[in-house]
C-alpha atoms as a PDB file:
ATOM      1  CA  MET A   1      87.204  -5.982 127.392  1.00  0.00           C
ATOM      2  CA  GLY A   2      85.126  -4.543 124.677  1.00  0.00           C
ATOM      3  CA  GLY A   3      82.345  -2.111 125.198  1.00  0.00           C
ATOM      4  CA  ARG A   4      79.041  -1.938 123.451  1.00  0.00           C
ATOM      5  CA  LYS A   5      78.903  -0.987 119.816  1.00  0.00           C
ATOM      6  CA  LYS A   6      77.981   2.665 119.429  1.00  0.00           C
ATOM      7  CA  THR A   7      75.203   3.544 117.041  1.00  0.00           C
ATOM      8  CA  GLY A   8      75.399   6.787 115.149  1.00  0.00           C
ATOM      9  CA  LYS A   9      72.583   9.252 114.739  1.00  0.00           C
ATOM     10  CA  LYS A  10      70.042   8.320 112.111  1.00  0.00           C
ATOM     11  CA  GLU A  11      69.994  10.554 109.086  1.00  0.00           C
ATOM     12  CA  LYS A  12      66.722  12.266 108.353  1.00  0.00           C
ATOM     13  CA  LYS A  13      65.252  11.429 104.997  1.00  0.00           C
ATOM     14  CA  LEU A  14      64.701  14.359 102.718  1.00  0.00           C
ATOM     15  CA  ARG A  15      61.099  14.980 101.869  1.00  0.00           C
ATOM     16  CA  THR A  16      60.333  14.383  98.223  1.00  0.00           C
ATOM     17  CA  TYR A  17      57.448  16.084  96.504  1.00  0.00           C
ATOM     18  CA  ALA A  18      55.442  14.321  93.846  1.00  0.00           C
ATOM     19  CA  ILE A  19      54.866  16.045  90.531  1.00  0.00           C
ATOM     20  CA  PRO A  20      51.130  16.629  90.121  1.00  0.00           C
ATOM     21  CA  LYS A  21      49.218  14.685  87.508  1.00  0.00           C
ATOM     22  CA  VAL A  22      45.947  16.647  87.638  1.00  0.00           C
ATOM     23  CA  PHE A  23      45.926  20.409  87.104  1.00  0.00           C
ATOM     24  CA  ASP A  24      43.644  23.442  87.229  1.00  0.00           C
ATOM     25  CA  CYS A  25      41.905  24.352  83.971  1.00  0.00           C
ATOM     26  CA  GLU A  26      42.724  27.826  82.635  1.00  0.00           C
ATOM     27  CA  LYS A  27      39.652  27.873  80.368  1.00  0.00           C
ATOM     28  CA  CYS A  28      36.888  27.224  82.905  1.00  0.00           C
ATOM     29  CA  SER A  29      38.867  28.032  86.102  1.00  0.00           C
ATOM     30  CA  ALA A  30      37.922  24.706  87.659  1.00  0.00           C
ATOM     31  CA  ASP A  31      40.225  23.121  90.219  1.00  0.00           C
ATOM     32  CA  GLN A  32      41.819  19.732  89.603  1.00  0.00           C
ATOM     33  CA  THR A  33      39.925  18.880  86.391  1.00  0.00           C
ATOM     34  CA  LEU A  34      42.621  19.017  83.706  1.00  0.00           C
ATOM     35  CA  HIS A  35      44.249  15.704  82.771  1.00  0.00           C
ATOM     36  CA  ILE A  36      47.280  15.196  80.532  1.00  0.00           C
ATOM     37  CA  ASN A  37      47.967  11.908  78.757  1.00  0.00           C
ATOM     38  CA  ILE A  38      51.342  11.372  77.118  1.00  0.00           C
ATOM     39  CA  SER A  39      51.550   8.528  74.619  1.00  0.00           C
ATOM     40  CA  LYS A  40      54.304   7.285  72.349  1.00  0.00           C
ATOM     41  CA  LYS A  41      53.431   6.319  68.776  1.00  0.00           C
ATOM     42  CA  ASN A  42      55.911   5.578  66.008  1.00  0.00           C
ATOM     43  CA  ASN A  43      58.845   6.919  68.078  1.00  0.00           C
ATOM     44  CA  LYS A  44      57.023  10.243  68.564  1.00  0.00           C
ATOM     45  CA  LYS A  45      55.476  11.480  71.762  1.00  0.00           C
ATOM     46  CA  GLU A  46      51.991  12.973  71.719  1.00  0.00           C
ATOM     47  CA  ALA A  47      50.172  14.727  74.520  1.00  0.00           C
ATOM     48  CA  LYS A  48      46.433  15.089  74.944  1.00  0.00           C
ATOM     49  CA  ILE A  49      45.067  17.662  77.337  1.00  0.00           C
ATOM     50  CA  TYR A  50      41.425  17.492  78.351  1.00  0.00           C
ATOM     51  CA  CYS A  51      39.208  19.018  80.999  1.00  0.00           C
ATOM     52  CA  ILE A  52      36.496  16.924  82.601  1.00  0.00           C
ATOM     53  CA  LYS A  53      34.241  19.870  83.415  1.00  0.00           C
ATOM     54  CA  CYS A  54      34.262  22.051  80.271  1.00  0.00           C
ATOM     55  CA  LYS A  55      35.135  19.201  77.838  1.00  0.00           C
ATOM     56  CA  TYR A  56      38.028  21.233  76.397  1.00  0.00           C
ATOM     57  CA  MET A  57      40.525  19.079  74.502  1.00  0.00           C
ATOM     58  CA  ILE A  58      43.743  19.823  72.647  1.00  0.00           C
ATOM     59  CA  LYS A  59      46.506  17.654  71.218  1.00  0.00           C
ATOM     60  CA  TYR A  60      50.229  18.447  71.048  1.00  0.00           C
ATOM     61  CA  ASP A  61      52.165  16.496  68.429  1.00  0.00           C
ATOM     62  CA  LYS A  62      55.637  17.827  69.111  1.00  0.00           C
ATOM     63  CA  VAL A  63      56.575  16.771  72.616  1.00  0.00           C
ATOM     64  CA  GLY A  64      60.200  16.470  73.690  1.00  0.00           C
ATOM     65  CA  ALA A  65      61.628  13.182  74.860  1.00  0.00           C
ATOM     66  CA  LEU A  66      62.186  14.493  78.387  1.00  0.00           C
ATOM     67  CA  ASP A  67      58.970  16.500  78.725  1.00  0.00           C
ATOM     68  CA  SER A  68      56.638  15.508  81.526  1.00  0.00           C
ATOM     69  CA  ALA A  69      53.040  16.469  82.284  1.00  0.00           C
ATOM     70  CA  ILE A  70      54.029  19.651  84.126  1.00  0.00           C
ATOM     71  CA  ASP A  71      56.120  20.836  81.157  1.00  0.00           C
ATOM     72  CA  ILE A  72      53.212  20.335  78.787  1.00  0.00           C
ATOM     73  CA  TYR A  73      50.826  22.092  81.192  1.00  0.00           C
ATOM     74  CA  ASN A  74      53.152  25.118  81.387  1.00  0.00           C
ATOM     75  CA  LYS A  75      53.460  25.221  77.594  1.00  0.00           C
ATOM     76  CA  TRP A  76      49.665  25.090  77.279  1.00  0.00           C
ATOM     77  CA  CYS A  77      49.243  27.923  79.820  1.00  0.00           C
ATOM     78  CA  GLU A  78      51.716  30.076  77.872  1.00  0.00           C
ATOM     79  CA  ASP A  79      49.841  29.390  74.635  1.00  0.00           C
ATOM     80  CA  ILE A  80      46.537  30.378  76.216  1.00  0.00           C
ATOM     81  CA  HIS A  81      47.930  33.614  77.656  1.00  0.00           C
ATOM     82  CA  ASN A  82      49.593  34.530  74.352  1.00  0.00           C
ATOM     83  CA  ASN A  83      46.374  33.923  72.418  1.00  0.00           C
ATOM     84  CA  ASN A  84      44.369  35.980  74.910  1.00  0.00           C
ATOM     85  CA  ASP A  85      46.825  38.873  74.601  1.00  0.00           C
ATOM     86  CA  LYS A  86      46.425  38.930  70.803  1.00  0.00           C
ATOM     87  CA  ASN A  87      42.612  38.880  70.981  1.00  0.00           C
ATOM     88  CA  TYR A  88      42.388  41.445  73.765  1.00  0.00           C
ATOM     89  CA  GLU A  89      41.216  44.786  72.369  1.00  0.00           C
ATOM     90  CA  GLY A  90      41.400  46.847  75.547  1.00  0.00           C
ATOM     91  CA  ASN A  91      44.094  49.383  76.360  1.00  0.00           C
ATOM     92  CA  ASP A  92      46.124  48.507  79.470  1.00  0.00           C
ATOM     93  CA  ASP A  93      48.077  51.786  79.290  1.00  0.00           C
ATOM     94  CA  PHE A  94      44.838  53.703  79.820  1.00  0.00           C
ATOM     95  CA  VAL A  95      44.109  51.790  83.044  1.00  0.00           C
ATOM     96  CA  ASP A  96      47.644  52.473  84.327  1.00  0.00           C
ATOM     97  CA  GLU A  97      47.262  56.209  83.569  1.00  0.00           C
ATOM     98  CA  VAL A  98      43.972  56.392  85.461  1.00  0.00           C
ATOM     99  CA  LEU A  99      45.504  54.680  88.489  1.00  0.00           C
ATOM    100  CA  ASP A 100      48.489  57.055  88.438  1.00  0.00           C
ATOM    101  CA  GLU A 101      46.182  60.086  88.333  1.00  0.00           C
ATOM    102  CA  GLU A 102      44.242  58.865  91.371  1.00  0.00           C
ATOM    103  CA  ASP A 103      47.429  58.482  93.407  1.00  0.00           C
ATOM    104  CA  ASP A 104      48.726  61.921  92.379  1.00  0.00           C
ATOM    105  CA  PRO A 105      46.974  64.685  94.366  1.00  0.00           C
ATOM    106  CA  GLY A 106      47.428  67.200  91.528  1.00  0.00           C
ATOM    107  CA  GLU A 107      46.007  70.711  91.858  1.00  0.00           C
ATOM    108  CA  THR A 108      43.429  71.480  94.487  1.00  0.00           C
ATOM    109  CA  LEU A 109      40.724  73.992  93.676  1.00  0.00           C
END
């Protein structure tokens, strides 16, 4: 006499996260306004980045075959930060020295 067929425990599905397609603009600091379009022309990938709010637009000609929108966004952010560092004329060491002096009690008169 056979018994009932036992059912095993159901496996929980792992949660998958979607890669974002809309990003925050580094130029105008607006949330969710930066769009990236990747197109393929003549066996070469091109990427166009544009912001809806500030109308900023840039084009990348050399895009890798496996690059996605998030890779291009990260590359663009690095380019912006590198360009800002070159154009920045302030002295960060001076700010660090001032902060260190405030923390140090030094001599009391």
